[in-house]
Amino acid sequence: MDRKTHIDIWGALALTLFSLNLGFNQVVIKVTNGGFQPVFMAGLRSLGALILLALWMRARGISLKLPREGRIGGLIAGVLFAVEFTCLFIALDLTSVARTSILFYSMPVWLALAAHVWLPGERLTGLRLLGLGFAMAGVVLAVGVRGDAGQTGEASILGDLFALGAALCWAGIALCVRVTPLSKAPAEQQLFWQLLVSAPLLLVLAPAFGPLIRDLEAVHFIGLTYQIVFIASFGFLFWFWLMKIYPASGVASFSFLSPVFAVVLGWMVLGEAIAASTWAALGLVAIGLVLINRR
């Protein structure tokens, strides 16, 4: 498919569905942390996704070998991938989904700023800056105001720092995919190498973060399977495919929808209270996305 200069209607629909998937994943991670130690679960997820993706690539005749010129980028992206999910899983263990989401999904801001410097043709205009402001305001409203103060969840400075670190690593991966020769590799190879590098790193590091197993139940295995299939393998593969078609900052901007979805799904799945301000937040996010993605 040809490279596009803006997000069209099909891209918007695909990115919205992907954001819904990511929003639900925040709830899944929070629940699954009750059975698996966070870093160990991240390692198991990368390992499972690596095996699944390898089978998929073999079935489609896609080589597992990354071209020599793309291996440095693949190694960098793989290390960032491992650090990102170490930070994210620990953040969700230390603090609430709401607080983690607002910081983790600040990624489009950092990516848009980096793209302004490193990616010709993706410069920030005054209108796009205004759009980023609207979208971020919507996220703050959605995850920061959820009824009574007691309903906002735990607060942890360390958890917030881990969530911010995850956001910066995510933006770094997106930028690495665009500015290094890794961009010339198929999306399957890009993701395969990130999983190949991250799986052993996470599994080796996991014992340093405490006992590997907690109060393990069937629901935790279901959560891990969901993350392997719908997030770490085919989910991310879909995101990298979109990154090759649409502008990087435009793709990233739709992640502002994910924390809003996370709030709604928290109400639907976990019975968390949802404030009327959430609907106002959705309006702010929609305005922001329109401004960011104008031709």
C-alpha atoms as a PDB file:
ATOM      1  CA  MET A   1       0.000   0.000   0.000  1.00  0.00           C
ATOM      2  CA  ASP A   2       1.240   3.488  -0.886  1.00  0.00           C
ATOM      3  CA  ARG A   3       2.484   5.895   1.760  1.00  0.00           C
ATOM      4  CA  LYS A   4      -0.177   8.472   2.729  1.00  0.00           C
ATOM      5  CA  THR A   5       0.337  12.056   3.860  1.00  0.00           C
ATOM      6  CA  HIS A   6      -2.646  12.165   6.232  1.00  0.00           C
ATOM      7  CA  ILE A   7      -5.014   9.884   8.156  1.00  0.00           C
ATOM      8  CA  ASP A   8      -7.944   8.887   5.928  1.00  0.00           C
ATOM      9  CA  ILE A   9     -11.275   7.403   7.056  1.00  0.00           C
ATOM     10  CA  TRP A  10     -10.011   3.808   6.948  1.00  0.00           C
ATOM     11  CA  GLY A  11      -6.903   4.734   8.878  1.00  0.00           C
ATOM     12  CA  ALA A  12      -9.015   6.538  11.487  1.00  0.00           C
ATOM     13  CA  LEU A  13     -11.269   3.503  11.919  1.00  0.00           C
ATOM     14  CA  ALA A  14      -8.332   1.085  12.189  1.00  0.00           C
ATOM     15  CA  LEU A  15      -6.505   3.302  14.681  1.00  0.00           C
ATOM     16  CA  THR A  16      -9.635   3.771  16.790  1.00  0.00           C
ATOM     17  CA  LEU A  17     -10.129  -0.002  17.044  1.00  0.00           C
ATOM     18  CA  PHE A  18      -6.462  -0.453  17.874  1.00  0.00           C
ATOM     19  CA  SER A  19      -6.734   2.198  20.589  1.00  0.00           C
ATOM     20  CA  LEU A  20      -9.725   0.326  22.032  1.00  0.00           C
ATOM     21  CA  ASN A  21      -7.607  -2.816  22.133  1.00  0.00           C
ATOM     22  CA  LEU A  22      -4.789  -0.987  23.949  1.00  0.00           C
ATOM     23  CA  GLY A  23      -7.230   0.570  26.404  1.00  0.00           C
ATOM     24  CA  PHE A  24      -8.613  -2.837  27.301  1.00  0.00           C
ATOM     25  CA  ASN A  25      -5.077  -4.158  27.684  1.00  0.00           C
ATOM     26  CA  GLN A  26      -4.448  -1.747  30.567  1.00  0.00           C
ATOM     27  CA  VAL A  27      -7.260  -3.431  32.480  1.00  0.00           C
ATOM     28  CA  VAL A  28      -5.975  -6.897  31.512  1.00  0.00           C
ATOM     29  CA  ILE A  29      -2.432  -6.144  32.734  1.00  0.00           C
ATOM     30  CA  LYS A  30      -3.742  -4.792  36.032  1.00  0.00           C
ATOM     31  CA  VAL A  31      -5.749  -7.977  36.611  1.00  0.00           C
ATOM     32  CA  THR A  32      -3.037 -10.380  35.384  1.00  0.00           C
ATOM     33  CA  ASN A  33      -0.432  -8.798  37.669  1.00  0.00           C
ATOM     34  CA  GLY A  34      -2.307 -10.517  40.482  1.00  0.00           C
ATOM     35  CA  GLY A  35      -1.029 -13.896  39.286  1.00  0.00           C
ATOM     36  CA  PHE A  36       2.308 -13.173  37.621  1.00  0.00           C
ATOM     37  CA  GLN A  37       5.135 -10.927  38.744  1.00  0.00           C
ATOM     38  CA  PRO A  38       5.024  -8.000  36.260  1.00  0.00           C
ATOM     39  CA  VAL A  39       8.462  -8.346  34.619  1.00  0.00           C
ATOM     40  CA  PHE A  40       8.132 -12.133  34.448  1.00  0.00           C
ATOM     41  CA  MET A  41       4.745 -11.741  32.769  1.00  0.00           C
ATOM     42  CA  ALA A  42       6.234  -9.286  30.267  1.00  0.00           C
ATOM     43  CA  GLY A  43       8.948 -11.836  29.469  1.00  0.00           C
ATOM     44  CA  LEU A  44       6.453 -14.675  29.050  1.00  0.00           C
ATOM     45  CA  ARG A  45       4.389 -12.442  26.794  1.00  0.00           C
ATOM     46  CA  SER A  46       7.368 -11.622  24.564  1.00  0.00           C
ATOM     47  CA  LEU A  47       8.388 -15.293  24.418  1.00  0.00           C
ATOM     48  CA  GLY A  48       4.891 -16.480  23.527  1.00  0.00           C
ATOM     49  CA  ALA A  49       4.486 -13.759  20.906  1.00  0.00           C
ATOM     50  CA  LEU A  50       7.920 -14.590  19.467  1.00  0.00           C
ATOM     51  CA  ILE A  51       6.906 -18.223  18.900  1.00  0.00           C
ATOM     52  CA  LEU A  52       3.520 -17.273  17.453  1.00  0.00           C
ATOM     53  CA  LEU A  53       4.999 -14.661  15.132  1.00  0.00           C
ATOM     54  CA  ALA A  54       7.743 -17.045  13.953  1.00  0.00           C
ATOM     55  CA  LEU A  55       5.107 -19.625  12.982  1.00  0.00           C
ATOM     56  CA  TRP A  56       3.109 -16.915  11.195  1.00  0.00           C
ATOM     57  CA  MET A  57       6.147 -15.722   9.254  1.00  0.00           C
ATOM     58  CA  ARG A  58       7.159 -19.242   8.276  1.00  0.00           C
ATOM     59  CA  ALA A  59       3.638 -19.954   7.031  1.00  0.00           C
ATOM     60  CA  ARG A  60       3.718 -16.818   4.890  1.00  0.00           C
ATOM     61  CA  GLY A  61       7.252 -17.387   3.617  1.00  0.00           C
ATOM     62  CA  ILE A  62       8.719 -14.309   5.355  1.00  0.00           C
ATOM     63  CA  SER A  63      12.364 -14.613   6.357  1.00  0.00           C
ATOM     64  CA  LEU A  64      13.216 -14.388  10.036  1.00  0.00           C
ATOM     65  CA  LYS A  65      16.582 -12.831   9.195  1.00  0.00           C
ATOM     66  CA  LEU A  66      16.767  -9.071   9.341  1.00  0.00           C
ATOM     67  CA  PRO A  67      18.942  -7.457   6.633  1.00  0.00           C
ATOM     68  CA  ARG A  68      22.416  -6.631   7.973  1.00  0.00           C
ATOM     69  CA  GLU A  69      21.913  -2.871   7.667  1.00  0.00           C
ATOM     70  CA  GLY A  70      18.779  -3.049   9.818  1.00  0.00           C
ATOM     71  CA  ARG A  71      20.211  -5.064  12.699  1.00  0.00           C
ATOM     72  CA  ILE A  72      21.503  -2.129  14.732  1.00  0.00           C
ATOM     73  CA  GLY A  73      18.065  -0.528  14.560  1.00  0.00           C
ATOM     74  CA  GLY A  74      16.481  -3.866  15.455  1.00  0.00           C
ATOM     75  CA  LEU A  75      18.754  -4.241  18.478  1.00  0.00           C
ATOM     76  CA  ILE A  76      18.002  -0.697  19.676  1.00  0.00           C
ATOM     77  CA  ALA A  77      14.266  -1.182  19.188  1.00  0.00           C
ATOM     78  CA  GLY A  78      14.402  -4.521  21.015  1.00  0.00           C
ATOM     79  CA  VAL A  79      16.127  -3.044  24.067  1.00  0.00           C
ATOM     80  CA  LEU A  80      13.656  -0.143  24.117  1.00  0.00           C
ATOM     81  CA  PHE A  81      10.831  -2.670  23.859  1.00  0.00           C
ATOM     82  CA  ALA A  82      12.119  -4.564  26.908  1.00  0.00           C
ATOM     83  CA  VAL A  83      12.555  -1.381  28.953  1.00  0.00           C
ATOM     84  CA  GLU A  84       9.148  -0.049  27.864  1.00  0.00           C
ATOM     85  CA  PHE A  85       7.238  -3.047  29.130  1.00  0.00           C
ATOM     86  CA  THR A  86       9.309  -3.432  32.258  1.00  0.00           C
ATOM     87  CA  CYS A  87       8.284   0.131  33.080  1.00  0.00           C
ATOM     88  CA  LEU A  88       4.644  -0.250  32.041  1.00  0.00           C
ATOM     89  CA  PHE A  89       3.965  -3.496  33.883  1.00  0.00           C
ATOM     90  CA  ILE A  90       5.635  -2.238  37.058  1.00  0.00           C
ATOM     91  CA  ALA A  91       3.742   1.066  36.804  1.00  0.00           C
ATOM     92  CA  LEU A  92       0.419  -0.780  36.656  1.00  0.00           C
ATOM     93  CA  ASP A  93       1.517  -2.803  39.676  1.00  0.00           C
ATOM     94  CA  LEU A  94       2.349   0.298  41.711  1.00  0.00           C
ATOM     95  CA  THR A  95      -0.397   2.701  40.765  1.00  0.00           C
ATOM     96  CA  SER A  96      -3.826   2.907  39.143  1.00  0.00           C
ATOM     97  CA  VAL A  97      -4.767   2.355  35.507  1.00  0.00           C
ATOM     98  CA  ALA A  98      -5.849   6.005  35.347  1.00  0.00           C
ATOM     99  CA  ARG A  99      -2.544   7.472  36.519  1.00  0.00           C
ATOM    100  CA  THR A 100      -0.519   5.058  34.398  1.00  0.00           C
ATOM    101  CA  SER A 101      -2.586   5.787  31.293  1.00  0.00           C
ATOM    102  CA  ILE A 102      -2.280   9.557  31.430  1.00  0.00           C
ATOM    103  CA  LEU A 103       1.523   9.328  31.491  1.00  0.00           C
ATOM    104  CA  PHE A 104       2.001   6.333  29.199  1.00  0.00           C
ATOM    105  CA  TYR A 105      -0.257   7.825  26.533  1.00  0.00           C
ATOM    106  CA  SER A 106       1.596  11.104  26.591  1.00  0.00           C
ATOM    107  CA  MET A 107       3.784   9.283  24.032  1.00  0.00           C
ATOM    108  CA  PRO A 108       2.319  11.158  20.999  1.00  0.00           C
ATOM    109  CA  VAL A 109       3.528  14.442  22.458  1.00  0.00           C
ATOM    110  CA  TRP A 110       7.133  13.205  22.692  1.00  0.00           C
ATOM    111  CA  LEU A 111       6.943  11.521  19.285  1.00  0.00           C
ATOM    112  CA  ALA A 112       5.439  14.566  17.594  1.00  0.00           C
ATOM    113  CA  LEU A 113       8.182  16.747  19.034  1.00  0.00           C
ATOM    114  CA  ALA A 114      10.871  14.287  17.916  1.00  0.00           C
ATOM    115  CA  ALA A 115       9.282  13.916  14.474  1.00  0.00           C
ATOM    116  CA  HIS A 116       9.384  17.707  14.089  1.00  0.00           C
ATOM    117  CA  VAL A 117      13.183  17.512  14.350  1.00  0.00           C
ATOM    118  CA  TRP A 118      13.982  14.187  12.708  1.00  0.00           C
ATOM    119  CA  LEU A 119      11.267  13.538  10.113  1.00  0.00           C
ATOM    120  CA  PRO A 120      10.949  15.982   7.205  1.00  0.00           C
ATOM    121  CA  GLY A 121       7.342  16.528   6.247  1.00  0.00           C
ATOM    122  CA  GLU A 122       6.022  15.982   9.774  1.00  0.00           C
ATOM    123  CA  ARG A 123       6.632  19.469  11.132  1.00  0.00           C
ATOM    124  CA  LEU A 124       4.498  20.808  13.961  1.00  0.00           C
ATOM    125  CA  THR A 125       2.304  23.718  12.928  1.00  0.00           C
ATOM    126  CA  GLY A 126       0.457  25.993  15.298  1.00  0.00           C
ATOM    127  CA  LEU A 127      -2.776  24.159  14.515  1.00  0.00           C
ATOM    128  CA  ARG A 128      -1.289  20.753  15.273  1.00  0.00           C
ATOM    129  CA  LEU A 129       0.189  22.047  18.523  1.00  0.00           C
ATOM    130  CA  LEU A 130      -3.275  23.285  19.454  1.00  0.00           C
ATOM    131  CA  GLY A 131      -4.652  19.847  18.602  1.00  0.00           C
ATOM    132  CA  LEU A 132      -2.113  18.148  20.842  1.00  0.00           C
ATOM    133  CA  GLY A 133      -3.152  20.504  23.635  1.00  0.00           C
ATOM    134  CA  PHE A 134      -6.841  19.690  23.207  1.00  0.00           C
ATOM    135  CA  ALA A 135      -6.193  15.951  23.101  1.00  0.00           C
ATOM    136  CA  MET A 136      -3.977  15.980  26.179  1.00  0.00           C
ATOM    137  CA  ALA A 137      -6.561  18.081  28.040  1.00  0.00           C
ATOM    138  CA  GLY A 138      -9.161  15.447  27.190  1.00  0.00           C
ATOM    139  CA  VAL A 139      -6.976  12.666  28.549  1.00  0.00           C
ATOM    140  CA  VAL A 140      -6.301  14.579  31.746  1.00  0.00           C
ATOM    141  CA  LEU A 141     -10.024  15.179  32.211  1.00  0.00           C
ATOM    142  CA  ALA A 142     -10.937  11.556  31.483  1.00  0.00           C
ATOM    143  CA  VAL A 143      -8.453   9.812  33.755  1.00  0.00           C
ATOM    144  CA  GLY A 144      -7.977  12.528  36.352  1.00  0.00           C
ATOM    145  CA  VAL A 145     -11.625  13.215  37.218  1.00  0.00           C
ATOM    146  CA  ARG A 146     -13.547  10.028  37.949  1.00  0.00           C
ATOM    147  CA  GLY A 147     -15.933  11.037  40.689  1.00  0.00           C
ATOM    148  CA  ASP A 148     -14.842  11.202  44.320  1.00  0.00           C
ATOM    149  CA  ALA A 149     -11.186  11.503  45.223  1.00  0.00           C
ATOM    150  CA  GLY A 150     -11.309   8.031  46.696  1.00  0.00           C
ATOM    151  CA  GLN A 151     -12.213   6.590  43.304  1.00  0.00           C
ATOM    152  CA  THR A 152      -9.112   7.797  41.478  1.00  0.00           C
ATOM    153  CA  GLY A 153      -6.980   4.896  42.694  1.00  0.00           C
ATOM    154  CA  GLU A 154      -3.588   4.711  44.339  1.00  0.00           C
ATOM    155  CA  ALA A 155      -0.955   7.352  43.687  1.00  0.00           C
ATOM    156  CA  SER A 156       2.732   6.485  43.510  1.00  0.00           C
ATOM    157  CA  ILE A 157       5.530   8.799  42.417  1.00  0.00           C
ATOM    158  CA  LEU A 158       7.628   5.771  41.484  1.00  0.00           C
ATOM    159  CA  GLY A 159       4.737   4.338  39.483  1.00  0.00           C
ATOM    160  CA  ASP A 160       4.328   7.645  37.663  1.00  0.00           C
ATOM    161  CA  LEU A 161       8.030   7.703  36.770  1.00  0.00           C
ATOM    162  CA  PHE A 162       7.856   4.163  35.403  1.00  0.00           C
ATOM    163  CA  ALA A 163       4.818   5.086  33.292  1.00  0.00           C
ATOM    164  CA  LEU A 164       6.612   8.124  31.890  1.00  0.00           C
ATOM    165  CA  GLY A 165       9.661   5.983  31.112  1.00  0.00           C
ATOM    166  CA  ALA A 166       7.446   3.554  29.202  1.00  0.00           C
ATOM    167  CA  ALA A 167       6.011   6.427  27.144  1.00  0.00           C
ATOM    168  CA  LEU A 168       9.462   7.714  26.214  1.00  0.00           C
ATOM    169  CA  CYS A 169      10.599   4.223  25.166  1.00  0.00           C
ATOM    170  CA  TRP A 170       7.470   3.753  23.038  1.00  0.00           C
ATOM    171  CA  ALA A 171       8.155   7.054  21.262  1.00  0.00           C
ATOM    172  CA  GLY A 172      11.775   5.957  20.811  1.00  0.00           C
ATOM    173  CA  ILE A 173      10.685   2.734  19.101  1.00  0.00           C
ATOM    174  CA  ALA A 174       8.397   4.610  16.715  1.00  0.00           C
ATOM    175  CA  LEU A 175      11.186   7.023  15.836  1.00  0.00           C
ATOM    176  CA  CYS A 176      13.731   4.202  15.448  1.00  0.00           C
ATOM    177  CA  VAL A 177      11.436   2.436  12.982  1.00  0.00           C
ATOM    178  CA  ARG A 178      11.390   5.580  10.841  1.00  0.00           C
ATOM    179  CA  VAL A 179      14.935   6.998  10.970  1.00  0.00           C
ATOM    180  CA  THR A 180      17.077   3.832  10.808  1.00  0.00           C
ATOM    181  CA  PRO A 181      17.388   1.245   7.992  1.00  0.00           C
ATOM    182  CA  LEU A 182      14.983  -0.851  10.078  1.00  0.00           C
ATOM    183  CA  SER A 183      12.261   1.099   8.257  1.00  0.00           C
ATOM    184  CA  LYS A 184      13.045  -0.876   5.083  1.00  0.00           C
ATOM    185  CA  ALA A 185      12.303  -4.220   6.741  1.00  0.00           C
ATOM    186  CA  PRO A 186       8.820  -5.770   6.686  1.00  0.00           C
ATOM    187  CA  ALA A 187       6.739  -5.066   9.781  1.00  0.00           C
ATOM    188  CA  GLU A 188       6.942  -8.751  10.716  1.00  0.00           C
ATOM    189  CA  GLN A 189      10.746  -8.631  10.849  1.00  0.00           C
ATOM    190  CA  GLN A 190      10.698  -5.393  12.842  1.00  0.00           C
ATOM    191  CA  LEU A 191       8.455  -6.907  15.493  1.00  0.00           C
ATOM    192  CA  PHE A 192      10.201 -10.296  15.459  1.00  0.00           C
ATOM    193  CA  TRP A 193      13.517  -8.693  16.359  1.00  0.00           C
ATOM    194  CA  GLN A 194      11.992  -6.637  19.146  1.00  0.00           C
ATOM    195  CA  LEU A 195      10.515  -9.802  20.631  1.00  0.00           C
ATOM    196  CA  LEU A 196      13.727 -11.762  20.016  1.00  0.00           C
ATOM    197  CA  VAL A 197      15.789  -9.206  21.945  1.00  0.00           C
ATOM    198  CA  SER A 198      13.244  -8.421  24.678  1.00  0.00           C
ATOM    199  CA  ALA A 199      12.167 -11.969  25.645  1.00  0.00           C
ATOM    200  CA  PRO A 200      15.532 -13.160  27.057  1.00  0.00           C
ATOM    201  CA  LEU A 201      16.285  -9.758  28.597  1.00  0.00           C
ATOM    202  CA  LEU A 202      12.982  -9.686  30.480  1.00  0.00           C
ATOM    203  CA  LEU A 203      13.160 -13.324  31.628  1.00  0.00           C
ATOM    204  CA  VAL A 204      16.739 -12.880  32.892  1.00  0.00           C
ATOM    205  CA  LEU A 205      15.860  -9.670  34.730  1.00  0.00           C
ATOM    206  CA  ALA A 206      12.575 -10.951  36.199  1.00  0.00           C
ATOM    207  CA  PRO A 207      13.981 -12.708  39.332  1.00  0.00           C
ATOM    208  CA  ALA A 208      15.464  -9.381  40.466  1.00  0.00           C
ATOM    209  CA  PHE A 209      11.939  -8.009  40.913  1.00  0.00           C
ATOM    210  CA  GLY A 210      10.670 -10.614  43.369  1.00  0.00           C
ATOM    211  CA  PRO A 211       8.890 -14.005  43.284  1.00  0.00           C
ATOM    212  CA  LEU A 212       7.813 -14.939  39.774  1.00  0.00           C
ATOM    213  CA  ILE A 213       4.406 -16.351  40.731  1.00  0.00           C
ATOM    214  CA  ARG A 214       1.771 -14.733  42.919  1.00  0.00           C
ATOM    215  CA  ASP A 215      -1.788 -15.933  43.556  1.00  0.00           C
ATOM    216  CA  LEU A 216      -2.153 -17.690  40.202  1.00  0.00           C
ATOM    217  CA  GLU A 217      -5.650 -18.475  38.860  1.00  0.00           C
ATOM    218  CA  ALA A 218      -7.209 -19.360  35.503  1.00  0.00           C
ATOM    219  CA  VAL A 219      -8.076 -15.729  34.739  1.00  0.00           C
ATOM    220  CA  HIS A 220      -4.372 -14.830  34.810  1.00  0.00           C
ATOM    221  CA  PHE A 221      -3.572 -17.405  32.108  1.00  0.00           C
ATOM    222  CA  ILE A 222      -6.429 -16.009  30.017  1.00  0.00           C
ATOM    223  CA  GLY A 223      -5.013 -12.510  30.448  1.00  0.00           C
ATOM    224  CA  LEU A 224      -1.535 -13.652  29.439  1.00  0.00           C
ATOM    225  CA  THR A 225      -2.908 -15.421  26.345  1.00  0.00           C
ATOM    226  CA  TYR A 226      -4.836 -12.318  25.342  1.00  0.00           C
ATOM    227  CA  GLN A 227      -1.675 -10.214  25.596  1.00  0.00           C
ATOM    228  CA  ILE A 228       0.365 -12.698  23.548  1.00  0.00           C
ATOM    229  CA  VAL A 229      -2.158 -12.982  20.709  1.00  0.00           C
ATOM    230  CA  PHE A 230      -3.959  -9.641  20.538  1.00  0.00           C
ATOM    231  CA  ILE A 231      -1.256  -7.262  21.791  1.00  0.00           C
ATOM    232  CA  ALA A 232       2.357  -8.447  21.608  1.00  0.00           C
ATOM    233  CA  SER A 233       2.136 -10.306  18.291  1.00  0.00           C
ATOM    234  CA  PHE A 234      -0.692  -9.430  15.908  1.00  0.00           C
ATOM    235  CA  GLY A 235      -1.644  -6.223  17.714  1.00  0.00           C
ATOM    236  CA  PHE A 236       1.812  -4.638  17.476  1.00  0.00           C
ATOM    237  CA  LEU A 237       2.265  -6.055  13.993  1.00  0.00           C
ATOM    238  CA  PHE A 238      -0.853  -4.173  12.956  1.00  0.00           C
ATOM    239  CA  TRP A 239       0.503  -0.963  14.545  1.00  0.00           C
ATOM    240  CA  PHE A 240       3.837  -1.223  12.721  1.00  0.00           C
ATOM    241  CA  TRP A 241       1.987  -1.809   9.453  1.00  0.00           C
ATOM    242  CA  LEU A 242       0.005   1.383  10.038  1.00  0.00           C
ATOM    243  CA  MET A 243       3.248   3.227  10.837  1.00  0.00           C
ATOM    244  CA  LYS A 244       4.562   2.349   7.381  1.00  0.00           C
ATOM    245  CA  ILE A 245       1.467   3.821   5.695  1.00  0.00           C
ATOM    246  CA  TYR A 246       0.501   6.910   7.711  1.00  0.00           C
ATOM    247  CA  PRO A 247       2.498   9.810   9.259  1.00  0.00           C
ATOM    248  CA  ALA A 248       4.137   8.720  12.520  1.00  0.00           C
ATOM    249  CA  SER A 249       2.786  11.548  14.668  1.00  0.00           C
ATOM    250  CA  GLY A 250      -0.686  11.107  13.179  1.00  0.00           C
ATOM    251  CA  VAL A 251      -0.715   7.402  14.032  1.00  0.00           C
ATOM    252  CA  ALA A 252       0.570   8.152  17.524  1.00  0.00           C
ATOM    253  CA  SER A 253      -2.050  10.842  18.101  1.00  0.00           C
ATOM    254  CA  PHE A 254      -4.829   8.256  18.128  1.00  0.00           C
ATOM    255  CA  SER A 255      -3.337   6.681  21.235  1.00  0.00           C
ATOM    256  CA  PHE A 256      -4.963   9.569  23.093  1.00  0.00           C
ATOM    257  CA  LEU A 257      -8.185   7.552  22.737  1.00  0.00           C
ATOM    258  CA  SER A 258      -6.782   4.560  24.619  1.00  0.00           C
ATOM    259  CA  PRO A 259      -6.913   5.980  28.176  1.00  0.00           C
ATOM    260  CA  VAL A 260     -10.463   7.194  27.524  1.00  0.00           C
ATOM    261  CA  PHE A 261     -11.398   3.679  26.460  1.00  0.00           C
ATOM    262  CA  ALA A 262      -9.574   2.353  29.524  1.00  0.00           C
ATOM    263  CA  VAL A 263     -11.795   4.465  31.797  1.00  0.00           C
ATOM    264  CA  VAL A 264     -14.961   3.231  30.086  1.00  0.00           C
ATOM    265  CA  LEU A 265     -13.795  -0.396  30.116  1.00  0.00           C
ATOM    266  CA  GLY A 266     -12.805  -0.055  33.754  1.00  0.00           C
ATOM    267  CA  TRP A 267     -16.443   0.822  34.441  1.00  0.00           C
ATOM    268  CA  MET A 268     -17.813  -1.980  32.243  1.00  0.00           C
ATOM    269  CA  VAL A 269     -15.411  -4.764  33.256  1.00  0.00           C
ATOM    270  CA  LEU A 270     -14.275  -3.860  36.764  1.00  0.00           C
ATOM    271  CA  GLY A 271     -17.322  -1.906  37.917  1.00  0.00           C
ATOM    272  CA  GLU A 272     -15.351   1.304  38.444  1.00  0.00           C
ATOM    273  CA  ALA A 273     -17.319   4.553  38.657  1.00  0.00           C
ATOM    274  CA  ILE A 274     -17.341   6.756  35.552  1.00  0.00           C
ATOM    275  CA  ALA A 275     -17.898  10.522  35.775  1.00  0.00           C
ATOM    276  CA  ALA A 276     -19.907  12.673  33.372  1.00  0.00           C
ATOM    277  CA  SER A 277     -16.670  14.532  32.621  1.00  0.00           C
ATOM    278  CA  THR A 278     -15.520  11.500  30.625  1.00  0.00           C
ATOM    279  CA  TRP A 279     -17.957  12.396  27.838  1.00  0.00           C
ATOM    280  CA  ALA A 280     -16.578  15.936  27.730  1.00  0.00           C
ATOM    281  CA  ALA A 281     -13.093  14.416  27.522  1.00  0.00           C
ATOM    282  CA  LEU A 282     -14.109  12.383  24.496  1.00  0.00           C
ATOM    283  CA  GLY A 283     -15.184  15.612  22.791  1.00  0.00           C
ATOM    284  CA  LEU A 284     -11.847  17.276  23.540  1.00  0.00           C
ATOM    285  CA  VAL A 285      -9.940  14.274  22.204  1.00  0.00           C
ATOM    286  CA  ALA A 286     -12.033  14.252  19.020  1.00  0.00           C
ATOM    287  CA  ILE A 287     -11.339  17.962  18.432  1.00  0.00           C
ATOM    288  CA  GLY A 288      -7.634  17.387  19.028  1.00  0.00           C
ATOM    289  CA  LEU A 289      -7.470  14.537  16.541  1.00  0.00           C
ATOM    290  CA  VAL A 290      -9.239  16.592  13.875  1.00  0.00           C
ATOM    291  CA  LEU A 291      -6.738  19.448  14.308  1.00  0.00           C
ATOM    292  CA  ILE A 292      -3.695  17.174  14.386  1.00  0.00           C
ATOM    293  CA  ASN A 293      -4.698  15.331  11.228  1.00  0.00           C
ATOM    294  CA  ARG A 294      -5.874  18.173   9.003  1.00  0.00           C
ATOM    295  CA  ARG A 295      -4.316  18.031   5.553  1.00  0.00           C
END
